[in-house]
């Protein structure tokens, strides 16, 4: 994603707003993909609910 959206090397540094914006997008995508898998594992009995 960084190569497509920000092709200039070293332009995504932690002191830029774009860095934190893309970090938040990544966190939302990670949460959205982990939720169904965790719910399925809990229903199946493979994983304990936290």
PDB file of N, CA and C in Angstrom:
ATOM      1  N   UNK A   1       0.820  -1.175   0.000  1.00  0.00           N
ATOM      2  CA  UNK A   1       0.000   0.000   0.000  1.00  0.00           C
ATOM      3  C   UNK A   1       0.871   1.249   0.000  1.00  0.00           C
ATOM      4  N   UNK A   2       1.958   1.217   0.733  1.00  0.00           N
ATOM      5  CA  UNK A   2       2.842   2.384   0.785  1.00  0.00           C
ATOM      6  C   UNK A   2       3.491   2.637  -0.571  1.00  0.00           C
ATOM      7  N   UNK A   3       3.818   1.583  -1.298  1.00  0.00           N
ATOM      8  CA  UNK A   3       4.439   1.760  -2.613  1.00  0.00           C
ATOM      9  C   UNK A   3       3.462   2.347  -3.627  1.00  0.00           C
ATOM     10  N   UNK A   4       2.183   2.064  -3.470  1.00  0.00           N
ATOM     11  CA  UNK A   4       1.179   2.555  -4.410  1.00  0.00           C
ATOM     12  C   UNK A   4       0.754   3.983  -4.058  1.00  0.00           C
ATOM     13  N   UNK A   5       0.434   4.216  -2.787  1.00  0.00           N
ATOM     14  CA  UNK A   5      -0.073   5.521  -2.378  1.00  0.00           C
ATOM     15  C   UNK A   5       1.017   6.573  -2.198  1.00  0.00           C
ATOM     16  N   UNK A   6       2.183   6.142  -1.730  1.00  0.00           N
ATOM     17  CA  UNK A   6       3.282   7.074  -1.468  1.00  0.00           C
ATOM     18  C   UNK A   6       4.538   6.523  -2.124  1.00  0.00           C
ATOM     19  N   UNK A   7       4.695   6.736  -3.437  1.00  0.00           N
ATOM     20  CA  UNK A   7       5.831   6.129  -4.135  1.00  0.00           C
ATOM     21  C   UNK A   7       7.183   6.752  -3.787  1.00  0.00           C
ATOM     22  N   UNK A   8       7.193   7.964  -3.245  1.00  0.00           N
ATOM     23  CA  UNK A   8       8.461   8.601  -2.900  1.00  0.00           C
ATOM     24  C   UNK A   8       9.065   7.907  -1.683  1.00  0.00           C
ATOM     25  N   UNK A   9      10.302   7.456  -1.772  1.00  0.00           N
ATOM     26  CA  UNK A   9      10.895   6.726  -0.650  1.00  0.00           C
ATOM     27  C   UNK A   9      11.104   7.628   0.566  1.00  0.00           C
ATOM     28  N   UNK A  10      10.908   7.072   1.727  1.00  0.00           N
ATOM     29  CA  UNK A  10      11.127   7.728   3.017  1.00  0.00           C
ATOM     30  C   UNK A  10      10.227   8.934   3.250  1.00  0.00           C
ATOM     31  N   UNK A  11       9.080   9.003   2.605  1.00  0.00           N
ATOM     32  CA  UNK A  11       8.182  10.122   2.844  1.00  0.00           C
ATOM     33  C   UNK A  11       7.181   9.813   3.955  1.00  0.00           C
ATOM     34  N   UNK A  12       7.037   8.548   4.312  1.00  0.00           N
ATOM     35  CA  UNK A  12       6.139   8.194   5.416  1.00  0.00           C
ATOM     36  C   UNK A  12       6.962   8.065   6.694  1.00  0.00           C
ATOM     37  N   UNK A  13       7.067   9.167   7.408  1.00  0.00           N
ATOM     38  CA  UNK A  13       7.776   9.172   8.680  1.00  0.00           C
ATOM     39  C   UNK A  13       6.748   9.343   9.793  1.00  0.00           C
ATOM     40  N   UNK A  14       7.060   8.891  11.007  1.00  0.00           N
ATOM     41  CA  UNK A  14       6.090   8.996  12.104  1.00  0.00           C
ATOM     42  C   UNK A  14       5.700  10.421  12.475  1.00  0.00           C
ATOM     43  N   UNK A  15       6.387  11.409  11.969  1.00  0.00           N
ATOM     44  CA  UNK A  15       6.008  12.786  12.290  1.00  0.00           C
ATOM     45  C   UNK A  15       5.111  13.417  11.227  1.00  0.00           C
ATOM     46  N   UNK A  16       4.554  12.598  10.326  1.00  0.00           N
ATOM     47  CA  UNK A  16       3.657  13.118   9.291  1.00  0.00           C
ATOM     48  C   UNK A  16       2.234  12.632   9.541  1.00  0.00           C
ATOM     49  N   UNK A  17       1.289  13.436   9.105  1.00  0.00           N
ATOM     50  CA  UNK A  17      -0.119  13.069   9.267  1.00  0.00           C
ATOM     51  C   UNK A  17      -0.485  11.876   8.388  1.00  0.00           C
ATOM     52  N   UNK A  18       0.123  11.770   7.218  1.00  0.00           N
ATOM     53  CA  UNK A  18      -0.178  10.652   6.316  1.00  0.00           C
ATOM     54  C   UNK A  18       0.203   9.316   6.955  1.00  0.00           C
ATOM     55  N   UNK A  19       1.300   9.292   7.684  1.00  0.00           N
ATOM     56  CA  UNK A  19       1.737   8.078   8.373  1.00  0.00           C
ATOM     57  C   UNK A  19       0.657   7.607   9.349  1.00  0.00           C
ATOM     58  N   UNK A  20       0.169   8.525  10.175  1.00  0.00           N
ATOM     59  CA  UNK A  20      -0.815   8.148  11.186  1.00  0.00           C
ATOM     60  C   UNK A  20      -2.170   7.845  10.571  1.00  0.00           C
ATOM     61  N   UNK A  21      -2.508   8.509   9.487  1.00  0.00           N
ATOM     62  CA  UNK A  21      -3.758   8.206   8.790  1.00  0.00           C
ATOM     63  C   UNK A  21      -3.723   6.787   8.229  1.00  0.00           C
ATOM     64  N   UNK A  22      -2.633   6.430   7.570  1.00  0.00           N
ATOM     65  CA  UNK A  22      -2.515   5.076   7.022  1.00  0.00           C
ATOM     66  C   UNK A  22      -2.417   4.038   8.135  1.00  0.00           C
ATOM     67  N   UNK A  23      -1.835   4.411   9.269  1.00  0.00           N
ATOM     68  CA  UNK A  23      -1.778   3.497  10.411  1.00  0.00           C
ATOM     69  C   UNK A  23      -3.195   3.198  10.914  1.00  0.00           C
ATOM     70  N   UNK A  24      -4.042   4.208  10.974  1.00  0.00           N
ATOM     71  CA  UNK A  24      -5.413   4.003  11.419  1.00  0.00           C
ATOM     72  C   UNK A  24      -6.200   3.144  10.434  1.00  0.00           C
ATOM     73  N   UNK A  25      -5.981   3.344   9.151  1.00  0.00           N
ATOM     74  CA  UNK A  25      -6.637   2.506   8.141  1.00  0.00           C
ATOM     75  C   UNK A  25      -6.192   1.058   8.309  1.00  0.00           C
ATOM     76  N   UNK A  26      -4.919   0.845   8.538  1.00  0.00           N
ATOM     77  CA  UNK A  26      -4.409  -0.512   8.756  1.00  0.00           C
ATOM     78  C   UNK A  26      -4.993  -1.158   9.997  1.00  0.00           C
ATOM     79  N   UNK A  27      -5.167  -0.377  11.060  1.00  0.00           N
ATOM     80  CA  UNK A  27      -5.752  -0.917  12.289  1.00  0.00           C
ATOM     81  C   UNK A  27      -7.214  -1.312  12.077  1.00  0.00           C
ATOM     82  N   UNK A  28      -7.962  -0.509  11.352  1.00  0.00           N
ATOM     83  CA  UNK A  28      -9.373  -0.826  11.085  1.00  0.00           C
ATOM     84  C   UNK A  28      -9.475  -2.081  10.220  1.00  0.00           C
ATOM     85  N   UNK A  29      -8.636  -2.180   9.195  1.00  0.00           N
ATOM     86  CA  UNK A  29      -8.651  -3.362   8.329  1.00  0.00           C
ATOM     87  C   UNK A  29      -8.256  -4.609   9.123  1.00  0.00           C
ATOM     88  N   UNK A  30      -7.246  -4.485   9.976  1.00  0.00           N
ATOM     89  CA  UNK A  30      -6.838  -5.618  10.807  1.00  0.00           C
ATOM     90  C   UNK A  30      -7.931  -6.066  11.757  1.00  0.00           C
ATOM     91  N   UNK A  31      -8.618  -5.113  12.375  1.00  0.00           N
ATOM     92  CA  UNK A  31      -9.722  -5.444  13.272  1.00  0.00           C
ATOM     93  C   UNK A  31     -10.855  -6.126  12.511  1.00  0.00           C
ATOM     94  N   UNK A  32     -11.178  -5.577  11.347  1.00  0.00           N
ATOM     95  CA  UNK A  32     -12.290  -6.127  10.555  1.00  0.00           C
ATOM     96  C   UNK A  32     -12.002  -7.549  10.075  1.00  0.00           C
ATOM     97  N   UNK A  33     -10.754  -7.862   9.802  1.00  0.00           N
ATOM     98  CA  UNK A  33     -10.431  -9.211   9.338  1.00  0.00           C
ATOM     99  C   UNK A  33     -10.229 -10.186  10.499  1.00  0.00           C
ATOM    100  N   UNK A  34      -9.824  -9.695  11.662  1.00  0.00           N
ATOM    101  CA  UNK A  34      -9.597 -10.589  12.801  1.00  0.00           C
ATOM    102  C   UNK A  34     -10.889 -10.946  13.522  1.00  0.00           C
ATOM    103  N   UNK A  35     -11.858 -10.055  13.525  1.00  0.00           N
ATOM    104  CA  UNK A  35     -13.108 -10.286  14.269  1.00  0.00           C
ATOM    105  C   UNK A  35     -13.827 -11.572  13.849  1.00  0.00           C
ATOM    106  N   UNK A  36     -14.099 -11.786  12.555  1.00  0.00           N
ATOM    107  CA  UNK A  36     -14.820 -13.018  12.180  1.00  0.00           C
ATOM    108  C   UNK A  36     -14.038 -14.289  12.509  1.00  0.00           C
ATOM    109  N   UNK A  37     -12.726 -14.257  12.330  1.00  0.00           N
ATOM    110  CA  UNK A  37     -11.929 -15.447  12.624  1.00  0.00           C
ATOM    111  C   UNK A  37     -11.957 -15.753  14.119  1.00  0.00           C
ATOM    112  N   UNK A  38     -11.829 -14.750  14.954  1.00  0.00           N
ATOM    113  CA  UNK A  38     -11.883 -14.970  16.397  1.00  0.00           C
ATOM    114  C   UNK A  38     -13.250 -15.446  16.837  1.00  0.00           C
ATOM    115  N   UNK A  39     -14.301 -14.862  16.297  1.00  0.00           N
ATOM    116  CA  UNK A  39     -15.650 -15.288  16.658  1.00  0.00           C
ATOM    117  C   UNK A  39     -15.873 -16.748  16.267  1.00  0.00           C
ATOM    118  N   UNK A  40     -15.403 -17.141  15.106  1.00  0.00           N
ATOM    119  CA  UNK A  40     -15.549 -18.520  14.655  1.00  0.00           C
ATOM    120  C   UNK A  40     -14.768 -19.479  15.554  1.00  0.00           C
ATOM    121  N   UNK A  41     -13.550 -19.106  15.933  1.00  0.00           N
ATOM    122  CA  UNK A  41     -12.747 -19.967  16.800  1.00  0.00           C
ATOM    123  C   UNK A  41     -13.375 -20.110  18.188  1.00  0.00           C
ATOM    124  N   UNK A  42     -13.980 -19.049  18.694  1.00  0.00           N
ATOM    125  CA  UNK A  42     -14.642 -19.122  19.990  1.00  0.00           C
ATOM    126  C   UNK A  42     -15.868 -20.021  19.923  1.00  0.00           C
ATOM    127  N   UNK A  43     -16.683 -19.864  18.877  1.00  0.00           N
ATOM    128  CA  UNK A  43     -17.868 -20.717  18.702  1.00  0.00           C
ATOM    129  C   UNK A  43     -17.484 -22.177  18.556  1.00  0.00           C
ATOM    130  N   UNK A  44     -16.388 -22.427  17.880  1.00  0.00           N
ATOM    131  CA  UNK A  44     -15.926 -23.801  17.638  1.00  0.00           C
ATOM    132  C   UNK A  44     -15.341 -24.432  18.892  1.00  0.00           C
ATOM    133  N   UNK A  45     -14.927 -23.598  19.852  1.00  0.00           N
ATOM    134  CA  UNK A  45     -14.341 -24.107  21.089  1.00  0.00           C
ATOM    135  C   UNK A  45     -12.844 -24.239  21.049  1.00  0.00           C
ATOM    136  N   UNK A  46     -12.218 -23.763  19.979  1.00  0.00           N
ATOM    137  CA  UNK A  46     -10.773 -23.834  19.849  1.00  0.00           C
ATOM    138  C   UNK A  46     -10.093 -22.765  20.689  1.00  0.00           C
ATOM    139  N   UNK A  47     -10.769 -21.648  20.877  1.00  0.00           N
ATOM    140  CA  UNK A  47     -10.194 -20.511  21.581  1.00  0.00           C
ATOM    141  C   UNK A  47     -11.126 -20.101  22.706  1.00  0.00           C
ATOM    142  N   UNK A  48     -10.523 -19.628  23.819  1.00  0.00           N
ATOM    143  CA  UNK A  48     -11.323 -19.134  24.927  1.00  0.00           C
ATOM    144  C   UNK A  48     -11.679 -17.672  24.695  1.00  0.00           C
ATOM    145  N   UNK A  49     -12.853 -17.295  25.164  1.00  0.00           N
ATOM    146  CA  UNK A  49     -13.235 -15.886  25.097  1.00  0.00           C
ATOM    147  C   UNK A  49     -12.416 -15.115  26.127  1.00  0.00           C
ATOM    148  N   UNK A  50     -12.024 -13.935  25.752  1.00  0.00           N
ATOM    149  CA  UNK A  50     -11.192 -13.139  26.665  1.00  0.00           C
ATOM    150  C   UNK A  50     -12.052 -12.252  27.527  1.00  0.00           C
TER     151      UNK A  50
END
